[in-house]
Amino acid sequence: MKENGYGYYRKRIDQVCSKYSDWPAFRCMKDDGRIDSLSFGELHRRILKFEHVMHTLGLKKGDRVVLMDKHLPSDCSNPH
């Protein structure tokens, strides 16, 4: 039986984030030349935290969510 799109995608995210936990997933050069990065491990923790928040809010399959944020490279520092 072929795995559905979401199930496959979720499984691959878990595998990649686990295998490359200490590797940088995102890097961003700041205006002053510093480079901020986010590891695959931290990215995975944030994904799981977001999933927990969505579950706590009662969201379920089929619900729609809008994510809004700044889209400037200079703003890609690690949020709190």
PDB file of N, CA and C in Angstrom:
ATOM      1  N   MET A   1       0.842  -1.188   0.000  1.00  0.00           N
ATOM      2  CA  MET A   1       0.000   0.000   0.000  1.00  0.00           C
ATOM      3  C   MET A   1       0.882   1.245   0.000  1.00  0.00           C
ATOM      4  N   LYS A   2       0.574   2.169  -0.874  1.00  0.00           N
ATOM      5  CA  LYS A   2       1.356   3.397  -0.978  1.00  0.00           C
ATOM      6  C   LYS A   2       0.973   4.367   0.150  1.00  0.00           C
ATOM      7  N   GLU A   3       1.997   4.936   0.766  1.00  0.00           N
ATOM      8  CA  GLU A   3       1.771   5.887   1.854  1.00  0.00           C
ATOM      9  C   GLU A   3       1.249   7.200   1.275  1.00  0.00           C
ATOM     10  N   ASN A   4       0.292   7.827   1.964  1.00  0.00           N
ATOM     11  CA  ASN A   4      -0.248   9.089   1.462  1.00  0.00           C
ATOM     12  C   ASN A   4       0.792  10.204   1.532  1.00  0.00           C
ATOM     13  N   GLY A   5       0.551  11.294   0.865  1.00  0.00           N
ATOM     14  CA  GLY A   5       1.496  12.401   0.792  1.00  0.00           C
ATOM     15  C   GLY A   5       1.918  12.937   2.143  1.00  0.00           C
ATOM     16  N   TYR A   6       0.941  13.218   3.013  1.00  0.00           N
ATOM     17  CA  TYR A   6       1.271  13.767   4.320  1.00  0.00           C
ATOM     18  C   TYR A   6       2.090  12.787   5.148  1.00  0.00           C
ATOM     19  N   GLY A   7       1.676  11.543   5.185  1.00  0.00           N
ATOM     20  CA  GLY A   7       2.381  10.537   5.979  1.00  0.00           C
ATOM     21  C   GLY A   7       3.825  10.381   5.537  1.00  0.00           C
ATOM     22  N   TYR A   8       4.029  10.349   4.215  1.00  0.00           N
ATOM     23  CA  TYR A   8       5.382  10.224   3.679  1.00  0.00           C
ATOM     24  C   TYR A   8       6.200  11.465   4.018  1.00  0.00           C
ATOM     25  N   TYR A   9       5.609  12.631   3.805  1.00  0.00           N
ATOM     26  CA  TYR A   9       6.298  13.899   4.075  1.00  0.00           C
ATOM     27  C   TYR A   9       6.683  13.987   5.548  1.00  0.00           C
ATOM     28  N   ARG A  10       5.760  13.655   6.435  1.00  0.00           N
ATOM     29  CA  ARG A  10       6.011  13.712   7.872  1.00  0.00           C
ATOM     30  C   ARG A  10       7.134  12.754   8.269  1.00  0.00           C
ATOM     31  N   LYS A  11       7.090  11.539   7.728  1.00  0.00           N
ATOM     32  CA  LYS A  11       8.117  10.543   8.028  1.00  0.00           C
ATOM     33  C   LYS A  11       9.495  11.022   7.571  1.00  0.00           C
ATOM     34  N   ARG A  12       9.562  11.598   6.381  1.00  0.00           N
ATOM     35  CA  ARG A  12      10.837  12.088   5.855  1.00  0.00           C
ATOM     36  C   ARG A  12      11.371  13.268   6.669  1.00  0.00           C
ATOM     37  N   ILE A  13      10.501  14.171   7.092  1.00  0.00           N
ATOM     38  CA  ILE A  13      10.931  15.296   7.941  1.00  0.00           C
ATOM     39  C   ILE A  13      11.557  14.749   9.221  1.00  0.00           C
ATOM     40  N   ASP A  14      10.890  13.798   9.860  1.00  0.00           N
ATOM     41  CA  ASP A  14      11.409  13.203  11.092  1.00  0.00           C
ATOM     42  C   ASP A  14      12.762  12.538  10.847  1.00  0.00           C
ATOM     43  N   GLN A  15      12.890  11.798   9.748  1.00  0.00           N
ATOM     44  CA  GLN A  15      14.143  11.097   9.438  1.00  0.00           C
ATOM     45  C   GLN A  15      15.291  12.071   9.183  1.00  0.00           C
ATOM     46  N   VAL A  16      15.048  13.054   8.343  1.00  0.00           N
ATOM     47  CA  VAL A  16      16.099  14.017   7.992  1.00  0.00           C
ATOM     48  C   VAL A  16      16.523  14.829   9.204  1.00  0.00           C
ATOM     49  N   CYS A  17      15.554  15.326   9.971  1.00  0.00           N
ATOM     50  CA  CYS A  17      15.884  16.135  11.148  1.00  0.00           C
ATOM     51  C   CYS A  17      16.632  15.323  12.199  1.00  0.00           C
ATOM     52  N   SER A  18      16.327  14.044  12.295  1.00  0.00           N
ATOM     53  CA  SER A  18      17.027  13.181  13.236  1.00  0.00           C
ATOM     54  C   SER A  18      18.451  12.879  12.752  1.00  0.00           C
ATOM     55  N   LYS A  19      18.575  12.504  11.500  1.00  0.00           N
ATOM     56  CA  LYS A  19      19.874  12.136  10.945  1.00  0.00           C
ATOM     57  C   LYS A  19      20.857  13.307  10.936  1.00  0.00           C
ATOM     58  N   TYR A  20      20.365  14.489  10.626  1.00  0.00           N
ATOM     59  CA  TYR A  20      21.228  15.670  10.495  1.00  0.00           C
ATOM     60  C   TYR A  20      20.996  16.687  11.610  1.00  0.00           C
ATOM     61  N   SER A  21      20.640  16.213  12.773  1.00  0.00           N
ATOM     62  CA  SER A  21      20.244  17.051  13.895  1.00  0.00           C
ATOM     63  C   SER A  21      21.178  18.240  14.165  1.00  0.00           C
ATOM     64  N   ASP A  22      22.476  18.017  14.077  1.00  0.00           N
ATOM     65  CA  ASP A  22      23.432  19.088  14.394  1.00  0.00           C
ATOM     66  C   ASP A  22      23.806  19.954  13.194  1.00  0.00           C
ATOM     67  N   TRP A  23      23.358  19.577  12.019  1.00  0.00           N
ATOM     68  CA  TRP A  23      23.694  20.336  10.812  1.00  0.00           C
ATOM     69  C   TRP A  23      22.796  21.564  10.686  1.00  0.00           C
ATOM     70  N   PRO A  24      23.289  22.627  10.065  1.00  0.00           N
ATOM     71  CA  PRO A  24      22.434  23.801   9.858  1.00  0.00           C
ATOM     72  C   PRO A  24      21.380  23.537   8.787  1.00  0.00           C
ATOM     73  N   ALA A  25      20.139  23.841   9.117  1.00  0.00           N
ATOM     74  CA  ALA A  25      19.037  23.720   8.156  1.00  0.00           C
ATOM     75  C   ALA A  25      18.842  25.037   7.420  1.00  0.00           C
ATOM     76  N   PHE A  26      19.050  26.142   8.135  1.00  0.00           N
ATOM     77  CA  PHE A  26      18.924  27.482   7.566  1.00  0.00           C
ATOM     78  C   PHE A  26      20.101  28.319   8.022  1.00  0.00           C
ATOM     79  N   ARG A  27      20.585  29.132   7.132  1.00  0.00           N
ATOM     80  CA  ARG A  27      21.625  30.109   7.471  1.00  0.00           C
ATOM     81  C   ARG A  27      21.206  31.451   6.909  1.00  0.00           C
ATOM     82  N   CYS A  28      21.550  32.486   7.642  1.00  0.00           N
ATOM     83  CA  CYS A  28      21.176  33.827   7.220  1.00  0.00           C
ATOM     84  C   CYS A  28      22.316  34.784   7.557  1.00  0.00           C
ATOM     85  N   MET A  29      22.825  35.481   6.541  1.00  0.00           N
ATOM     86  CA  MET A  29      23.871  36.466   6.784  1.00  0.00           C
ATOM     87  C   MET A  29      23.217  37.802   7.132  1.00  0.00           C
ATOM     88  N   LYS A  30      23.604  38.329   8.278  1.00  0.00           N
ATOM     89  CA  LYS A  30      23.085  39.607   8.747  1.00  0.00           C
ATOM     90  C   LYS A  30      23.796  40.748   8.027  1.00  0.00           C
ATOM     91  N   ASP A  31      23.248  41.946   8.133  1.00  0.00           N
ATOM     92  CA  ASP A  31      23.847  43.120   7.494  1.00  0.00           C
ATOM     93  C   ASP A  31      25.268  43.377   7.976  1.00  0.00           C
ATOM     94  N   ASP A  32      25.560  42.997   9.241  1.00  0.00           N
ATOM     95  CA  ASP A  32      26.895  43.234   9.787  1.00  0.00           C
ATOM     96  C   ASP A  32      27.866  42.087   9.475  1.00  0.00           C
ATOM     97  N   GLY A  33      27.424  41.100   8.668  1.00  0.00           N
ATOM     98  CA  GLY A  33      28.300  40.002   8.277  1.00  0.00           C
ATOM     99  C   GLY A  33      28.180  38.754   9.144  1.00  0.00           C
ATOM    100  N   ARG A  34      27.518  38.871  10.313  1.00  0.00           N
ATOM    101  CA  ARG A  34      27.324  37.687  11.149  1.00  0.00           C
ATOM    102  C   ARG A  34      26.402  36.708  10.435  1.00  0.00           C
ATOM    103  N   ILE A  35      26.578  35.432  10.753  1.00  0.00           N
ATOM    104  CA  ILE A  35      25.713  34.412  10.174  1.00  0.00           C
ATOM    105  C   ILE A  35      24.947  33.726  11.293  1.00  0.00           C
ATOM    106  N   ASP A  36      23.627  33.823  11.235  1.00  0.00           N
ATOM    107  CA  ASP A  36      22.757  33.107  12.164  1.00  0.00           C
ATOM    108  C   ASP A  36      22.376  31.791  11.487  1.00  0.00           C
ATOM    109  N   SER A  37      22.229  30.756  12.272  1.00  0.00           N
ATOM    110  CA  SER A  37      21.806  29.485  11.692  1.00  0.00           C
ATOM    111  C   SER A  37      20.828  28.784  12.629  1.00  0.00           C
ATOM    112  N   LEU A  38      20.102  27.866  12.055  1.00  0.00           N
ATOM    113  CA  LEU A  38      19.132  27.059  12.777  1.00  0.00           C
ATOM    114  C   LEU A  38      19.400  25.614  12.385  1.00  0.00           C
ATOM    115  N   SER A  39      19.667  24.765  13.370  1.00  0.00           N
ATOM    116  CA  SER A  39      19.990  23.366  13.079  1.00  0.00           C
ATOM    117  C   SER A  39      18.723  22.576  12.736  1.00  0.00           C
ATOM    118  N   PHE A  40      18.904  21.434  12.090  1.00  0.00           N
ATOM    119  CA  PHE A  40      17.780  20.553  11.803  1.00  0.00           C
ATOM    120  C   PHE A  40      17.116  20.091  13.096  1.00  0.00           C
ATOM    121  N   GLY A  41      17.906  19.872  14.139  1.00  0.00           N
ATOM    122  CA  GLY A  41      17.348  19.465  15.427  1.00  0.00           C
ATOM    123  C   GLY A  41      16.430  20.527  16.007  1.00  0.00           C
ATOM    124  N   GLU A  42      16.878  21.790  15.965  1.00  0.00           N
ATOM    125  CA  GLU A  42      16.056  22.887  16.477  1.00  0.00           C
ATOM    126  C   GLU A  42      14.833  23.094  15.585  1.00  0.00           C
ATOM    127  N   LEU A  43      14.997  22.960  14.283  1.00  0.00           N
ATOM    128  CA  LEU A  43      13.861  23.061  13.367  1.00  0.00           C
ATOM    129  C   LEU A  43      12.810  22.005  13.722  1.00  0.00           C
ATOM    130  N   HIS A  44      13.257  20.787  13.990  1.00  0.00           N
ATOM    131  CA  HIS A  44      12.340  19.707  14.337  1.00  0.00           C
ATOM    132  C   HIS A  44      11.616  20.005  15.646  1.00  0.00           C
ATOM    133  N   ARG A  45      12.334  20.514  16.634  1.00  0.00           N
ATOM    134  CA  ARG A  45      11.699  20.877  17.910  1.00  0.00           C
ATOM    135  C   ARG A  45      10.612  21.939  17.679  1.00  0.00           C
ATOM    136  N   ARG A  46      10.902  22.892  16.802  1.00  0.00           N
ATOM    137  CA  ARG A  46       9.919  23.944  16.514  1.00  0.00           C
ATOM    138  C   ARG A  46       8.708  23.385  15.771  1.00  0.00           C
ATOM    139  N   ILE A  47       8.934  22.449  14.872  1.00  0.00           N
ATOM    140  CA  ILE A  47       7.829  21.806  14.155  1.00  0.00           C
ATOM    141  C   ILE A  47       6.925  21.081  15.145  1.00  0.00           C
ATOM    142  N   LEU A  48       7.529  20.323  16.064  1.00  0.00           N
ATOM    143  CA  LEU A  48       6.753  19.578  17.054  1.00  0.00           C
ATOM    144  C   LEU A  48       6.003  20.514  18.004  1.00  0.00           C
ATOM    145  N   LYS A  49       6.642  21.619  18.364  1.00  0.00           N
ATOM    146  CA  LYS A  49       5.988  22.599  19.232  1.00  0.00           C
ATOM    147  C   LYS A  49       4.789  23.218  18.512  1.00  0.00           C
ATOM    148  N   PHE A  50       4.965  23.553  17.236  1.00  0.00           N
ATOM    149  CA  PHE A  50       3.879  24.120  16.447  1.00  0.00           C
ATOM    150  C   PHE A  50       2.727  23.116  16.333  1.00  0.00           C
ATOM    151  N   GLU A  51       3.074  21.858  16.102  1.00  0.00           N
ATOM    152  CA  GLU A  51       2.067  20.805  16.017  1.00  0.00           C
ATOM    153  C   GLU A  51       1.271  20.718  17.324  1.00  0.00           C
ATOM    154  N   HIS A  52       1.974  20.779  18.454  1.00  0.00           N
ATOM    155  CA  HIS A  52       1.326  20.725  19.762  1.00  0.00           C
ATOM    156  C   HIS A  52       0.380  21.915  19.952  1.00  0.00           C
ATOM    157  N   VAL A  53       0.823  23.097  19.578  1.00  0.00           N
ATOM    158  CA  VAL A  53      -0.011  24.298  19.718  1.00  0.00           C
ATOM    159  C   VAL A  53      -1.273  24.160  18.866  1.00  0.00           C
ATOM    160  N   MET A  54      -1.112  23.698  17.634  1.00  0.00           N
ATOM    161  CA  MET A  54      -2.274  23.539  16.751  1.00  0.00           C
ATOM    162  C   MET A  54      -3.257  22.515  17.326  1.00  0.00           C
ATOM    163  N   HIS A  55      -2.724  21.428  17.876  1.00  0.00           N
ATOM    164  CA  HIS A  55      -3.577  20.409  18.498  1.00  0.00           C
ATOM    165  C   HIS A  55      -4.300  20.986  19.719  1.00  0.00           C
ATOM    166  N   THR A  56      -3.582  21.741  20.539  1.00  0.00           N
ATOM    167  CA  THR A  56      -4.157  22.357  21.738  1.00  0.00           C
ATOM    168  C   THR A  56      -5.284  23.328  21.377  1.00  0.00           C
ATOM    169  N   LEU A  57      -5.136  24.002  20.236  1.00  0.00           N
ATOM    170  CA  LEU A  57      -6.170  24.943  19.789  1.00  0.00           C
ATOM    171  C   LEU A  57      -7.385  24.229  19.198  1.00  0.00           C
ATOM    172  N   GLY A  58      -7.276  22.926  19.031  1.00  0.00           N
ATOM    173  CA  GLY A  58      -8.400  22.158  18.520  1.00  0.00           C
ATOM    174  C   GLY A  58      -8.466  22.063  17.004  1.00  0.00           C
ATOM    175  N   LEU A  59      -7.386  22.425  16.334  1.00  0.00           N
ATOM    176  CA  LEU A  59      -7.386  22.336  14.874  1.00  0.00           C
ATOM    177  C   LEU A  59      -7.358  20.879  14.446  1.00  0.00           C
ATOM    178  N   LYS A  60      -8.028  20.594  13.354  1.00  0.00           N
ATOM    179  CA  LYS A  60      -8.084  19.223  12.856  1.00  0.00           C
ATOM    180  C   LYS A  60      -7.930  19.221  11.341  1.00  0.00           C
ATOM    181  N   LYS A  61      -7.807  18.053  10.781  1.00  0.00           N
ATOM    182  CA  LYS A  61      -7.620  17.894   9.343  1.00  0.00           C
ATOM    183  C   LYS A  61      -8.707  18.670   8.599  1.00  0.00           C
ATOM    184  N   GLY A  62      -8.266  19.456   7.629  1.00  0.00           N
ATOM    185  CA  GLY A  62      -9.190  20.246   6.827  1.00  0.00           C
ATOM    186  C   GLY A  62      -9.291  21.691   7.267  1.00  0.00           C
ATOM    187  N   ASP A  63      -8.898  21.999   8.512  1.00  0.00           N
ATOM    188  CA  ASP A  63      -8.898  23.384   8.975  1.00  0.00           C
ATOM    189  C   ASP A  63      -7.827  24.166   8.223  1.00  0.00           C
ATOM    190  N   ARG A  64      -8.028  25.453   8.123  1.00  0.00           N
ATOM    191  CA  ARG A  64      -7.072  26.312   7.424  1.00  0.00           C
ATOM    192  C   ARG A  64      -6.349  27.207   8.429  1.00  0.00           C
ATOM    193  N   VAL A  65      -5.048  27.409   8.182  1.00  0.00           N
ATOM    194  CA  VAL A  65      -4.220  28.240   9.053  1.00  0.00           C
ATOM    195  C   VAL A  65      -3.431  29.204   8.172  1.00  0.00           C
ATOM    196  N   VAL A  66      -3.309  30.438   8.604  1.00  0.00           N
ATOM    197  CA  VAL A  66      -2.500  31.423   7.894  1.00  0.00           C
ATOM    198  C   VAL A  66      -1.283  31.736   8.754  1.00  0.00           C
ATOM    199  N   LEU A  67      -0.103  31.654   8.158  1.00  0.00           N
ATOM    200  CA  LEU A  67       1.134  32.024   8.840  1.00  0.00           C
ATOM    201  C   LEU A  67       1.636  33.308   8.202  1.00  0.00           C
ATOM    202  N   MET A  68       1.921  34.298   9.024  1.00  0.00           N
ATOM    203  CA  MET A  68       2.401  35.572   8.511  1.00  0.00           C
ATOM    204  C   MET A  68       3.653  35.959   9.267  1.00  0.00           C
ATOM    205  N   ASP A  69       4.638  36.438   8.526  1.00  0.00           N
ATOM    206  CA  ASP A  69       5.901  36.844   9.129  1.00  0.00           C
ATOM    207  C   ASP A  69       6.597  37.792   8.176  1.00  0.00           C
ATOM    208  N   LYS A  70       7.659  38.406   8.640  1.00  0.00           N
ATOM    209  CA  LYS A  70       8.475  39.259   7.791  1.00  0.00           C
ATOM    210  C   LYS A  70       9.204  38.386   6.785  1.00  0.00           C
ATOM    211  N   HIS A  71       9.472  38.918   5.639  1.00  0.00           N
ATOM    212  CA  HIS A  71      10.169  38.156   4.603  1.00  0.00           C
ATOM    213  C   HIS A  71      11.475  38.834   4.210  1.00  0.00           C
ATOM    214  N   LEU A  72      12.155  39.379   5.192  1.00  0.00           N
ATOM    215  CA  LEU A  72      13.421  40.058   4.938  1.00  0.00           C
ATOM    216  C   LEU A  72      14.567  39.212   5.462  1.00  0.00           C
ATOM    217  N   PRO A  73      15.589  38.986   4.654  1.00  0.00           N
ATOM    218  CA  PRO A  73      16.729  38.198   5.137  1.00  0.00           C
ATOM    219  C   PRO A  73      17.338  38.752   6.415  1.00  0.00           C
ATOM    220  N   SER A  74      17.329  40.063   6.585  1.00  0.00           N
ATOM    221  CA  SER A  74      17.920  40.662   7.770  1.00  0.00           C
ATOM    222  C   SER A  74      17.102  40.377   9.039  1.00  0.00           C
ATOM    223  N   ASP A  75      15.920  39.823   8.887  1.00  0.00           N
ATOM    224  CA  ASP A  75      15.054  39.516  10.030  1.00  0.00           C
ATOM    225  C   ASP A  75      15.050  38.042  10.392  1.00  0.00           C
ATOM    226  N   CYS A  76      15.993  37.267   9.906  1.00  0.00           N
ATOM    227  CA  CYS A  76      15.900  35.811  10.133  1.00  0.00           C
ATOM    228  C   CYS A  76      16.657  35.340  11.367  1.00  0.00           C
ATOM    229  N   SER A  77      16.764  36.168  12.363  1.00  0.00           N
ATOM    230  CA  SER A  77      17.406  35.730  13.595  1.00  0.00           C
ATOM    231  C   SER A  77      16.506  34.741  14.314  1.00  0.00           C
ATOM    232  N   ASN A  78      17.059  33.997  15.256  1.00  0.00           N
ATOM    233  CA  ASN A  78      16.274  33.010  15.996  1.00  0.00           C
ATOM    234  C   ASN A  78      15.236  33.722  16.853  1.00  0.00           C
ATOM    235  N   PRO A  79      13.930  33.429  16.624  1.00  0.00           N
ATOM    236  CA  PRO A  79      12.891  34.069  17.439  1.00  0.00           C
ATOM    237  C   PRO A  79      12.860  33.462  18.835  1.00  0.00           C
ATOM    238  N   HIS A  80      12.233  34.169  19.736  1.00  0.00           N
ATOM    239  CA  HIS A  80      12.140  33.705  21.128  1.00  0.00           C
ATOM    240  C   HIS A  80      11.063  32.677  21.251  1.00  0.00           C
TER     241      HIS A  80
END
